[in-house]
Amino acid sequence: MKTTLDLPDELVREAKLRALMQGRTLRDLVTQLLRQGLGLEAPKLASTLPPESMLGVGSNGLPVIHCRAGSAAEGLPVQDLLQLEQQTQTQEDLRRAGLSV
């Protein structure tokens, strides 16, 4: 069943980040968290990332996405990377809403 929820931005960002770090879809992660929160499923420990993953966790606990050598993103400043991420998320949201991109 499809439904729409109005959630705080920081909660959605954290859920998207966790889904990405676990290699799962946002839908699967939220489904599991709801089941756990409602007591329908026991909490599970997050799985570790496979060694070949381009995702990691830095010493400060923040996620790190490793670029392949020579990739276009390798030389971009952080501000440009954040802007690119925001544009990509906006396009994805518009597509899912059935609006033209």
PDB file of N, CA and C in Angstrom:
ATOM      1  N   MET A   1       0.847  -1.163   0.000  1.00  0.00           N
ATOM      2  CA  MET A   1       0.000   0.000   0.000  1.00  0.00           C
ATOM      3  C   MET A   1       0.900   1.236   0.000  1.00  0.00           C
ATOM      4  N   LYS A   2       0.525   2.192  -0.792  1.00  0.00           N
ATOM      5  CA  LYS A   2       1.270   3.447  -0.823  1.00  0.00           C
ATOM      6  C   LYS A   2       0.620   4.422   0.142  1.00  0.00           C
ATOM      7  N   THR A   3       1.479   5.206   0.790  1.00  0.00           N
ATOM      8  CA  THR A   3       0.990   6.244   1.687  1.00  0.00           C
ATOM      9  C   THR A   3       1.984   7.395   1.678  1.00  0.00           C
ATOM     10  N   THR A   4       1.553   8.544   2.099  1.00  0.00           N
ATOM     11  CA  THR A   4       2.420   9.711   2.170  1.00  0.00           C
ATOM     12  C   THR A   4       2.526  10.134   3.619  1.00  0.00           C
ATOM     13  N   LEU A   5       3.767  10.347   4.063  1.00  0.00           N
ATOM     14  CA  LEU A   5       4.011  10.807   5.422  1.00  0.00           C
ATOM     15  C   LEU A   5       4.787  12.115   5.372  1.00  0.00           C
ATOM     16  N   ASP A   6       4.478  13.018   6.263  1.00  0.00           N
ATOM     17  CA  ASP A   6       5.210  14.275   6.377  1.00  0.00           C
ATOM     18  C   ASP A   6       6.184  14.114   7.542  1.00  0.00           C
ATOM     19  N   LEU A   7       7.456  13.835   7.213  1.00  0.00           N
ATOM     20  CA  LEU A   7       8.470  13.564   8.222  1.00  0.00           C
ATOM     21  C   LEU A   7       9.500  14.685   8.264  1.00  0.00           C
ATOM     22  N   PRO A   8      10.148  14.863   9.405  1.00  0.00           N
ATOM     23  CA  PRO A   8      11.208  15.884   9.495  1.00  0.00           C
ATOM     24  C   PRO A   8      12.351  15.554   8.530  1.00  0.00           C
ATOM     25  N   ASP A   9      12.908  16.593   7.917  1.00  0.00           N
ATOM     26  CA  ASP A   9      13.982  16.411   6.933  1.00  0.00           C
ATOM     27  C   ASP A   9      15.148  15.612   7.485  1.00  0.00           C
ATOM     28  N   GLU A  10      15.557  15.912   8.736  1.00  0.00           N
ATOM     29  CA  GLU A  10      16.719  15.218   9.288  1.00  0.00           C
ATOM     30  C   GLU A  10      16.451  13.727   9.481  1.00  0.00           C
ATOM     31  N   LEU A  11      15.213  13.354   9.743  1.00  0.00           N
ATOM     32  CA  LEU A  11      14.856  11.948   9.895  1.00  0.00           C
ATOM     33  C   LEU A  11      14.930  11.226   8.549  1.00  0.00           C
ATOM     34  N   VAL A  12      14.441  11.865   7.514  1.00  0.00           N
ATOM     35  CA  VAL A  12      14.487  11.277   6.173  1.00  0.00           C
ATOM     36  C   VAL A  12      15.930  11.152   5.698  1.00  0.00           C
ATOM     37  N   ARG A  13      16.747  12.178   5.943  1.00  0.00           N
ATOM     38  CA  ARG A  13      18.166  12.112   5.558  1.00  0.00           C
ATOM     39  C   ARG A  13      18.862  10.952   6.260  1.00  0.00           C
ATOM     40  N   GLU A  14      18.601  10.792   7.553  1.00  0.00           N
ATOM     41  CA  GLU A  14      19.229   9.697   8.305  1.00  0.00           C
ATOM     42  C   GLU A  14      18.776   8.343   7.768  1.00  0.00           C
ATOM     43  N   ALA A  15      17.498   8.207   7.460  1.00  0.00           N
ATOM     44  CA  ALA A  15      16.993   6.940   6.929  1.00  0.00           C
ATOM     45  C   ALA A  15      17.610   6.643   5.565  1.00  0.00           C
ATOM     46  N   LYS A  16      17.700   7.655   4.699  1.00  0.00           N
ATOM     47  CA  LYS A  16      18.318   7.457   3.384  1.00  0.00           C
ATOM     48  C   LYS A  16      19.785   7.071   3.526  1.00  0.00           C
ATOM     49  N   LEU A  17      20.468   7.714   4.456  1.00  0.00           N
ATOM     50  CA  LEU A  17      21.877   7.420   4.680  1.00  0.00           C
ATOM     51  C   LEU A  17      22.066   5.991   5.176  1.00  0.00           C
ATOM     52  N   ARG A  18      21.255   5.588   6.138  1.00  0.00           N
ATOM     53  CA  ARG A  18      21.361   4.215   6.649  1.00  0.00           C
ATOM     54  C   ARG A  18      21.059   3.193   5.559  1.00  0.00           C
ATOM     55  N   ALA A  19      20.046   3.464   4.764  1.00  0.00           N
ATOM     56  CA  ALA A  19      19.717   2.543   3.677  1.00  0.00           C
ATOM     57  C   ALA A  19      20.892   2.427   2.713  1.00  0.00           C
ATOM     58  N   LEU A  20      21.483   3.553   2.370  1.00  0.00           N
ATOM     59  CA  LEU A  20      22.633   3.559   1.477  1.00  0.00           C
ATOM     60  C   LEU A  20      23.797   2.789   2.079  1.00  0.00           C
ATOM     61  N   MET A  21      24.087   3.044   3.348  1.00  0.00           N
ATOM     62  CA  MET A  21      25.207   2.379   4.014  1.00  0.00           C
ATOM     63  C   MET A  21      24.984   0.870   4.127  1.00  0.00           C
ATOM     64  N   GLN A  22      23.740   0.446   4.179  1.00  0.00           N
ATOM     65  CA  GLN A  22      23.431  -0.979   4.304  1.00  0.00           C
ATOM     66  C   GLN A  22      23.163  -1.631   2.953  1.00  0.00           C
ATOM     67  N   GLY A  23      23.231  -0.838   1.888  1.00  0.00           N
ATOM     68  CA  GLY A  23      22.985  -1.393   0.561  1.00  0.00           C
ATOM     69  C   GLY A  23      21.549  -1.851   0.383  1.00  0.00           C
ATOM     70  N   ARG A  24      20.620  -1.114   0.981  1.00  0.00           N
ATOM     71  CA  ARG A  24      19.199  -1.486   0.929  1.00  0.00           C
ATOM     72  C   ARG A  24      18.396  -0.331   0.350  1.00  0.00           C
ATOM     73  N   THR A  25      17.174  -0.627  -0.004  1.00  0.00           N
ATOM     74  CA  THR A  25      16.289   0.446  -0.436  1.00  0.00           C
ATOM     75  C   THR A  25      15.718   1.140   0.792  1.00  0.00           C
ATOM     76  N   LEU A  26      15.324   2.383   0.619  1.00  0.00           N
ATOM     77  CA  LEU A  26      14.698   3.125   1.706  1.00  0.00           C
ATOM     78  C   LEU A  26      13.423   2.415   2.157  1.00  0.00           C
ATOM     79  N   ARG A  27      12.671   1.895   1.213  1.00  0.00           N
ATOM     80  CA  ARG A  27      11.421   1.184   1.518  1.00  0.00           C
ATOM     81  C   ARG A  27      11.693   0.002   2.443  1.00  0.00           C
ATOM     82  N   ASP A  28      12.705  -0.818   2.121  1.00  0.00           N
ATOM     83  CA  ASP A  28      13.014  -1.985   2.940  1.00  0.00           C
ATOM     84  C   ASP A  28      13.451  -1.590   4.346  1.00  0.00           C
ATOM     85  N   LEU A  29      14.280  -0.548   4.425  1.00  0.00           N
ATOM     86  CA  LEU A  29      14.754  -0.105   5.734  1.00  0.00           C
ATOM     87  C   LEU A  29      13.594   0.387   6.591  1.00  0.00           C
ATOM     88  N   VAL A  30      12.756   1.258   6.027  1.00  0.00           N
ATOM     89  CA  VAL A  30      11.638   1.817   6.790  1.00  0.00           C
ATOM     90  C   VAL A  30      10.655   0.716   7.189  1.00  0.00           C
ATOM     91  N   THR A  31      10.432  -0.248   6.310  1.00  0.00           N
ATOM     92  CA  THR A  31       9.552  -1.372   6.638  1.00  0.00           C
ATOM     93  C   THR A  31      10.081  -2.124   7.844  1.00  0.00           C
ATOM     94  N   GLN A  32      11.382  -2.420   7.836  1.00  0.00           N
ATOM     95  CA  GLN A  32      11.981  -3.137   8.963  1.00  0.00           C
ATOM     96  C   GLN A  32      11.889  -2.318  10.247  1.00  0.00           C
ATOM     97  N   LEU A  33      12.201  -1.024  10.161  1.00  0.00           N
ATOM     98  CA  LEU A  33      12.159  -0.178  11.355  1.00  0.00           C
ATOM     99  C   LEU A  33      10.743  -0.069  11.919  1.00  0.00           C
ATOM    100  N   LEU A  34       9.753   0.014  11.052  1.00  0.00           N
ATOM    101  CA  LEU A  34       8.363   0.052  11.527  1.00  0.00           C
ATOM    102  C   LEU A  34       7.978  -1.261  12.207  1.00  0.00           C
ATOM    103  N   ARG A  35       8.367  -2.363  11.605  1.00  0.00           N
ATOM    104  CA  ARG A  35       8.076  -3.672  12.223  1.00  0.00           C
ATOM    105  C   ARG A  35       8.723  -3.787  13.594  1.00  0.00           C
ATOM    106  N   GLN A  36       9.972  -3.334  13.697  1.00  0.00           N
ATOM    107  CA  GLN A  36      10.667  -3.383  14.979  1.00  0.00           C
ATOM    108  C   GLN A  36       9.988  -2.462  15.991  1.00  0.00           C
ATOM    109  N   GLY A  37       9.641  -1.256  15.558  1.00  0.00           N
ATOM    110  CA  GLY A  37       9.007  -0.291  16.445  1.00  0.00           C
ATOM    111  C   GLY A  37       7.644  -0.740  16.941  1.00  0.00           C
ATOM    112  N   LEU A  38       6.938  -1.498  16.123  1.00  0.00           N
ATOM    113  CA  LEU A  38       5.620  -2.007  16.511  1.00  0.00           C
ATOM    114  C   LEU A  38       5.714  -3.340  17.253  1.00  0.00           C
ATOM    115  N   GLY A  39       6.944  -3.819  17.448  1.00  0.00           N
ATOM    116  CA  GLY A  39       7.136  -5.077  18.172  1.00  0.00           C
ATOM    117  C   GLY A  39       6.814  -6.311  17.355  1.00  0.00           C
ATOM    118  N   LEU A  40       6.744  -6.171  16.034  1.00  0.00           N
ATOM    119  CA  LEU A  40       6.442  -7.311  15.168  1.00  0.00           C
ATOM    120  C   LEU A  40       7.698  -8.068  14.755  1.00  0.00           C
ATOM    121  N   GLU A  41       8.859  -7.479  15.023  1.00  0.00           N
ATOM    122  CA  GLU A  41      10.126  -8.069  14.626  1.00  0.00           C
ATOM    123  C   GLU A  41      11.189  -7.639  15.619  1.00  0.00           C
ATOM    124  N   ALA A  42      12.083  -8.559  15.958  1.00  0.00           N
ATOM    125  CA  ALA A  42      13.174  -8.229  16.874  1.00  0.00           C
ATOM    126  C   ALA A  42      14.193  -7.344  16.160  1.00  0.00           C
ATOM    127  N   PRO A  43      14.794  -6.379  16.860  1.00  0.00           N
ATOM    128  CA  PRO A  43      15.821  -5.538  16.243  1.00  0.00           C
ATOM    129  C   PRO A  43      16.984  -6.376  15.727  1.00  0.00           C
ATOM    130  N   LYS A  44      17.530  -5.957  14.597  1.00  0.00           N
ATOM    131  CA  LYS A  44      18.664  -6.652  13.992  1.00  0.00           C
ATOM    132  C   LYS A  44      19.851  -5.712  13.961  1.00  0.00           C
ATOM    133  N   LEU A  45      21.032  -6.288  14.098  1.00  0.00           N
ATOM    134  CA  LEU A  45      22.244  -5.485  13.977  1.00  0.00           C
ATOM    135  C   LEU A  45      22.495  -5.190  12.515  1.00  0.00           C
ATOM    136  N   ALA A  46      22.997  -3.994  12.233  1.00  0.00           N
ATOM    137  CA  ALA A  46      23.316  -3.622  10.854  1.00  0.00           C
ATOM    138  C   ALA A  46      24.445  -4.507  10.338  1.00  0.00           C
ATOM    139  N   SER A  47      24.314  -4.919   9.100  1.00  0.00           N
ATOM    140  CA  SER A  47      25.358  -5.751   8.513  1.00  0.00           C
ATOM    141  C   SER A  47      26.553  -4.887   8.138  1.00  0.00           C
ATOM    142  N   THR A  48      27.703  -5.497   8.099  1.00  0.00           N
ATOM    143  CA  THR A  48      28.897  -4.766   7.694  1.00  0.00           C
ATOM    144  C   THR A  48      28.945  -4.685   6.180  1.00  0.00           C
ATOM    145  N   LEU A  49      29.650  -3.711   5.678  1.00  0.00           N
ATOM    146  CA  LEU A  49      29.761  -3.508   4.238  1.00  0.00           C
ATOM    147  C   LEU A  49      30.736  -4.519   3.647  1.00  0.00           C
ATOM    148  N   PRO A  50      30.472  -4.986   2.429  1.00  0.00           N
ATOM    149  CA  PRO A  50      31.427  -5.886   1.778  1.00  0.00           C
ATOM    150  C   PRO A  50      32.730  -5.148   1.495  1.00  0.00           C
ATOM    151  N   PRO A  51      33.863  -5.866   1.464  1.00  0.00           N
ATOM    152  CA  PRO A  51      35.155  -5.200   1.279  1.00  0.00           C
ATOM    153  C   PRO A  51      35.263  -4.402  -0.016  1.00  0.00           C
ATOM    154  N   GLU A  52      34.554  -4.805  -1.070  1.00  0.00           N
ATOM    155  CA  GLU A  52      34.648  -4.104  -2.350  1.00  0.00           C
ATOM    156  C   GLU A  52      33.740  -2.871  -2.423  1.00  0.00           C
ATOM    157  N   SER A  53      32.995  -2.602  -1.358  1.00  0.00           N
ATOM    158  CA  SER A  53      32.077  -1.467  -1.340  1.00  0.00           C
ATOM    159  C   SER A  53      32.836  -0.156  -1.440  1.00  0.00           C
ATOM    160  N   MET A  54      32.234   0.802  -2.124  1.00  0.00           N
ATOM    161  CA  MET A  54      32.815   2.139  -2.236  1.00  0.00           C
ATOM    162  C   MET A  54      32.369   3.014  -1.063  1.00  0.00           C
ATOM    163  N   LEU A  55      31.545   2.452  -0.192  1.00  0.00           N
ATOM    164  CA  LEU A  55      31.074   3.180   0.976  1.00  0.00           C
ATOM    165  C   LEU A  55      31.910   2.797   2.180  1.00  0.00           C
ATOM    166  N   GLY A  56      32.046   3.717   3.095  1.00  0.00           N
ATOM    167  CA  GLY A  56      32.774   3.446   4.320  1.00  0.00           C
ATOM    168  C   GLY A  56      32.341   4.410   5.399  1.00  0.00           C
ATOM    169  N   VAL A  57      32.944   4.253   6.555  1.00  0.00           N
ATOM    170  CA  VAL A  57      32.667   5.140   7.676  1.00  0.00           C
ATOM    171  C   VAL A  57      33.997   5.727   8.118  1.00  0.00           C
ATOM    172  N   GLY A  58      34.065   7.041   8.161  1.00  0.00           N
ATOM    173  CA  GLY A  58      35.292   7.719   8.556  1.00  0.00           C
ATOM    174  C   GLY A  58      35.532   7.619  10.050  1.00  0.00           C
ATOM    175  N   SER A  59      36.688   8.072  10.498  1.00  0.00           N
ATOM    176  CA  SER A  59      37.048   8.010  11.914  1.00  0.00           C
ATOM    177  C   SER A  59      36.114   8.858  12.779  1.00  0.00           C
ATOM    178  N   ASN A  60      35.437   9.829  12.166  1.00  0.00           N
ATOM    179  CA  ASN A  60      34.495  10.683  12.890  1.00  0.00           C
ATOM    180  C   ASN A  60      33.068  10.121  12.884  1.00  0.00           C
ATOM    181  N   GLY A  61      32.897   8.924  12.286  1.00  0.00           N
ATOM    182  CA  GLY A  61      31.582   8.287  12.251  1.00  0.00           C
ATOM    183  C   GLY A  61      30.719   8.693  11.081  1.00  0.00           C
ATOM    184  N   LEU A  62      31.194   9.608  10.251  1.00  0.00           N
ATOM    185  CA  LEU A  62      30.429  10.052   9.085  1.00  0.00           C
ATOM    186  C   LEU A  62      30.689   9.135   7.899  1.00  0.00           C
ATOM    187  N   PRO A  63      29.713   9.014   7.004  1.00  0.00           N
ATOM    188  CA  PRO A  63      29.904   8.151   5.846  1.00  0.00           C
ATOM    189  C   PRO A  63      30.917   8.734   4.870  1.00  0.00           C
ATOM    190  N   VAL A  64      31.622   7.849   4.217  1.00  0.00           N
ATOM    191  CA  VAL A  64      32.610   8.237   3.214  1.00  0.00           C
ATOM    192  C   VAL A  64      32.312   7.443   1.955  1.00  0.00           C
ATOM    193  N   ILE A  65      32.237   8.122   0.823  1.00  0.00           N
ATOM    194  CA  ILE A  65      32.070   7.455  -0.465  1.00  0.00           C
ATOM    195  C   ILE A  65      33.385   7.607  -1.208  1.00  0.00           C
ATOM    196  N   HIS A  66      34.028   6.501  -1.481  1.00  0.00           N
ATOM    197  CA  HIS A  66      35.321   6.515  -2.152  1.00  0.00           C
ATOM    198  C   HIS A  66      35.112   6.600  -3.660  1.00  0.00           C
ATOM    199  N   CYS A  67      35.844   7.482  -4.318  1.00  0.00           N
ATOM    200  CA  CYS A  67      35.770   7.639  -5.768  1.00  0.00           C
ATOM    201  C   CYS A  67      36.831   6.760  -6.433  1.00  0.00           C
ATOM    202  N   ARG A  68      36.505   6.302  -7.615  1.00  0.00           N
ATOM    203  CA  ARG A  68      37.515   5.602  -8.405  1.00  0.00           C
ATOM    204  C   ARG A  68      38.551   6.626  -8.861  1.00  0.00           C
ATOM    205  N   ALA A  69      39.789   6.202  -8.979  1.00  0.00           N
ATOM    206  CA  ALA A  69      40.853   7.098  -9.428  1.00  0.00           C
ATOM    207  C   ALA A  69      40.497   7.669 -10.795  1.00  0.00           C
ATOM    208  N   GLY A  70      40.629   8.964 -10.946  1.00  0.00           N
ATOM    209  CA  GLY A  70      40.353   9.618 -12.214  1.00  0.00           C
ATOM    210  C   GLY A  70      38.890   9.936 -12.459  1.00  0.00           C
ATOM    211  N   SER A  71      38.013   9.683 -11.483  1.00  0.00           N
ATOM    212  CA  SER A  71      36.590   9.975 -11.682  1.00  0.00           C
ATOM    213  C   SER A  71      36.365  11.478 -11.653  1.00  0.00           C
ATOM    214  N   ALA A  72      35.259  11.908 -12.260  1.00  0.00           N
ATOM    215  CA  ALA A  72      34.950  13.340 -12.332  1.00  0.00           C
ATOM    216  C   ALA A  72      34.763  13.932 -10.939  1.00  0.00           C
ATOM    217  N   ALA A  73      34.221  13.155 -10.012  1.00  0.00           N
ATOM    218  CA  ALA A  73      33.947  13.666  -8.668  1.00  0.00           C
ATOM    219  C   ALA A  73      35.210  13.847  -7.843  1.00  0.00           C
ATOM    220  N   GLU A  74      36.277  13.215  -8.239  1.00  0.00           N
ATOM    221  CA  GLU A  74      37.508  13.238  -7.452  1.00  0.00           C
ATOM    222  C   GLU A  74      38.028  14.661  -7.207  1.00  0.00           C
ATOM    223  N   GLY A  75      37.898  15.534  -8.184  1.00  0.00           N
ATOM    224  CA  GLY A  75      38.444  16.876  -8.047  1.00  0.00           C
ATOM    225  C   GLY A  75      37.432  17.942  -7.686  1.00  0.00           C
ATOM    226  N   LEU A  76      36.174  17.555  -7.465  1.00  0.00           N
ATOM    227  CA  LEU A  76      35.143  18.552  -7.161  1.00  0.00           C
ATOM    228  C   LEU A  76      35.206  18.999  -5.706  1.00  0.00           C
ATOM    229  N   PRO A  77      34.983  20.288  -5.461  1.00  0.00           N
ATOM    230  CA  PRO A  77      34.897  20.761  -4.077  1.00  0.00           C
ATOM    231  C   PRO A  77      33.633  20.210  -3.405  1.00  0.00           C
ATOM    232  N   VAL A  78      33.653  20.156  -2.090  1.00  0.00           N
ATOM    233  CA  VAL A  78      32.538  19.601  -1.328  1.00  0.00           C
ATOM    234  C   VAL A  78      31.229  20.318  -1.664  1.00  0.00           C
ATOM    235  N   GLN A  79      31.252  21.634  -1.796  1.00  0.00           N
ATOM    236  CA  GLN A  79      30.035  22.391  -2.090  1.00  0.00           C
ATOM    237  C   GLN A  79      29.416  21.936  -3.413  1.00  0.00           C
ATOM    238  N   ASP A  80      30.246  21.694  -4.426  1.00  0.00           N
ATOM    239  CA  ASP A  80      29.740  21.221  -5.723  1.00  0.00           C
ATOM    240  C   ASP A  80      29.153  19.824  -5.603  1.00  0.00           C
ATOM    241  N   LEU A  81      29.791  18.964  -4.808  1.00  0.00           N
ATOM    242  CA  LEU A  81      29.276  17.608  -4.603  1.00  0.00           C
ATOM    243  C   LEU A  81      27.924  17.640  -3.898  1.00  0.00           C
ATOM    244  N   LEU A  82      27.789  18.515  -2.896  1.00  0.00           N
ATOM    245  CA  LEU A  82      26.520  18.636  -2.190  1.00  0.00           C
ATOM    246  C   LEU A  82      25.423  19.162  -3.107  1.00  0.00           C
ATOM    247  N   GLN A  83      25.756  20.123  -3.965  1.00  0.00           N
ATOM    248  CA  GLN A  83      24.783  20.666  -4.913  1.00  0.00           C
ATOM    249  C   GLN A  83      24.356  19.583  -5.906  1.00  0.00           C
ATOM    250  N   LEU A  84      25.295  18.791  -6.376  1.00  0.00           N
ATOM    251  CA  LEU A  84      24.989  17.697  -7.295  1.00  0.00           C
ATOM    252  C   LEU A  84      24.085  16.671  -6.628  1.00  0.00           C
ATOM    253  N   GLU A  85      24.363  16.361  -5.363  1.00  0.00           N
ATOM    254  CA  GLU A  85      23.526  15.420  -4.620  1.00  0.00           C
ATOM    255  C   GLU A  85      22.103  15.958  -4.495  1.00  0.00           C
ATOM    256  N   GLN A  86      21.962  17.236  -4.167  1.00  0.00           N
ATOM    257  CA  GLN A  86      20.639  17.841  -4.013  1.00  0.00           C
ATOM    258  C   GLN A  86      19.867  17.825  -5.329  1.00  0.00           C
ATOM    259  N   GLN A  87      20.541  18.132  -6.423  1.00  0.00           N
ATOM    260  CA  GLN A  87      19.889  18.098  -7.739  1.00  0.00           C
ATOM    261  C   GLN A  87      19.416  16.682  -8.070  1.00  0.00           C
ATOM    262  N   THR A  88      20.255  15.706  -7.787  1.00  0.00           N
ATOM    263  CA  THR A  88      19.911  14.309  -8.069  1.00  0.00           C
ATOM    264  C   THR A  88      18.710  13.877  -7.232  1.00  0.00           C
ATOM    265  N   GLN A  89      18.693  14.237  -5.956  1.00  0.00           N
ATOM    266  CA  GLN A  89      17.569  13.875  -5.095  1.00  0.00           C
ATOM    267  C   GLN A  89      16.285  14.560  -5.542  1.00  0.00           C
ATOM    268  N   THR A  90      16.375  15.809  -5.957  1.00  0.00           N
ATOM    269  CA  THR A  90      15.197  16.524  -6.445  1.00  0.00           C
ATOM    270  C   THR A  90      14.644  15.857  -7.693  1.00  0.00           C
ATOM    271  N   GLN A  91      15.527  15.493  -8.631  1.00  0.00           N
ATOM    272  CA  GLN A  91      15.095  14.812  -9.854  1.00  0.00           C
ATOM    273  C   GLN A  91      14.439  13.477  -9.528  1.00  0.00           C
ATOM    274  N   GLU A  92      15.023  12.736  -8.593  1.00  0.00           N
ATOM    275  CA  GLU A  92      14.457  11.452  -8.195  1.00  0.00           C
ATOM    276  C   GLU A  92      13.074  11.647  -7.574  1.00  0.00           C
ATOM    277  N   ASP A  93      12.935  12.637  -6.703  1.00  0.00           N
ATOM    278  CA  ASP A  93      11.639  12.915  -6.075  1.00  0.00           C
ATOM    279  C   ASP A  93      10.588  13.305  -7.116  1.00  0.00           C
ATOM    280  N   LEU A  94      10.968  14.133  -8.096  1.00  0.00           N
ATOM    281  CA  LEU A  94      10.033  14.539  -9.149  1.00  0.00           C
ATOM    282  C   LEU A  94       9.598  13.340  -9.988  1.00  0.00           C
ATOM    283  N   ARG A  95      10.557  12.484 -10.330  1.00  0.00           N
ATOM    284  CA  ARG A  95      10.224  11.280 -11.117  1.00  0.00           C
ATOM    285  C   ARG A  95       9.250  10.388 -10.378  1.00  0.00           C
ATOM    286  N   ARG A  96       9.503  10.185  -9.093  1.00  0.00           N
ATOM    287  CA  ARG A  96       8.630   9.329  -8.284  1.00  0.00           C
ATOM    288  C   ARG A  96       7.236   9.935  -8.117  1.00  0.00           C
ATOM    289  N   ALA A  97       7.170  11.257  -8.148  1.00  0.00           N
ATOM    290  CA  ALA A  97       5.878  11.928  -8.038  1.00  0.00           C
ATOM    291  C   ALA A  97       5.144  11.989  -9.363  1.00  0.00           C
ATOM    292  N   GLY A  98       5.809  11.492 -10.421  1.00  0.00           N
ATOM    293  CA  GLY A  98       5.176  11.490 -11.739  1.00  0.00           C
ATOM    294  C   GLY A  98       5.249  12.836 -12.439  1.00  0.00           C
ATOM    295  N   LEU A  99       6.146  13.693 -12.012  1.00  0.00           N
ATOM    296  CA  LEU A  99       6.297  15.010 -12.634  1.00  0.00           C
ATOM    297  C   LEU A  99       7.479  14.988 -13.581  1.00  0.00           C
ATOM    298  N   SER A 100       7.439  15.862 -14.579  1.00  0.00           N
ATOM    299  CA  SER A 100       8.549  15.900 -15.540  1.00  0.00           C
ATOM    300  C   SER A 100       9.784  16.489 -14.880  1.00  0.00           C
ATOM    301  N   VAL A 101      10.918  15.971 -15.301  1.00  0.00           N
ATOM    302  CA  VAL A 101      12.196  16.398 -14.721  1.00  0.00           C
ATOM    303  C   VAL A 101      12.838  17.439 -15.584  1.00  0.00           C
TER     304      VAL A 101
END
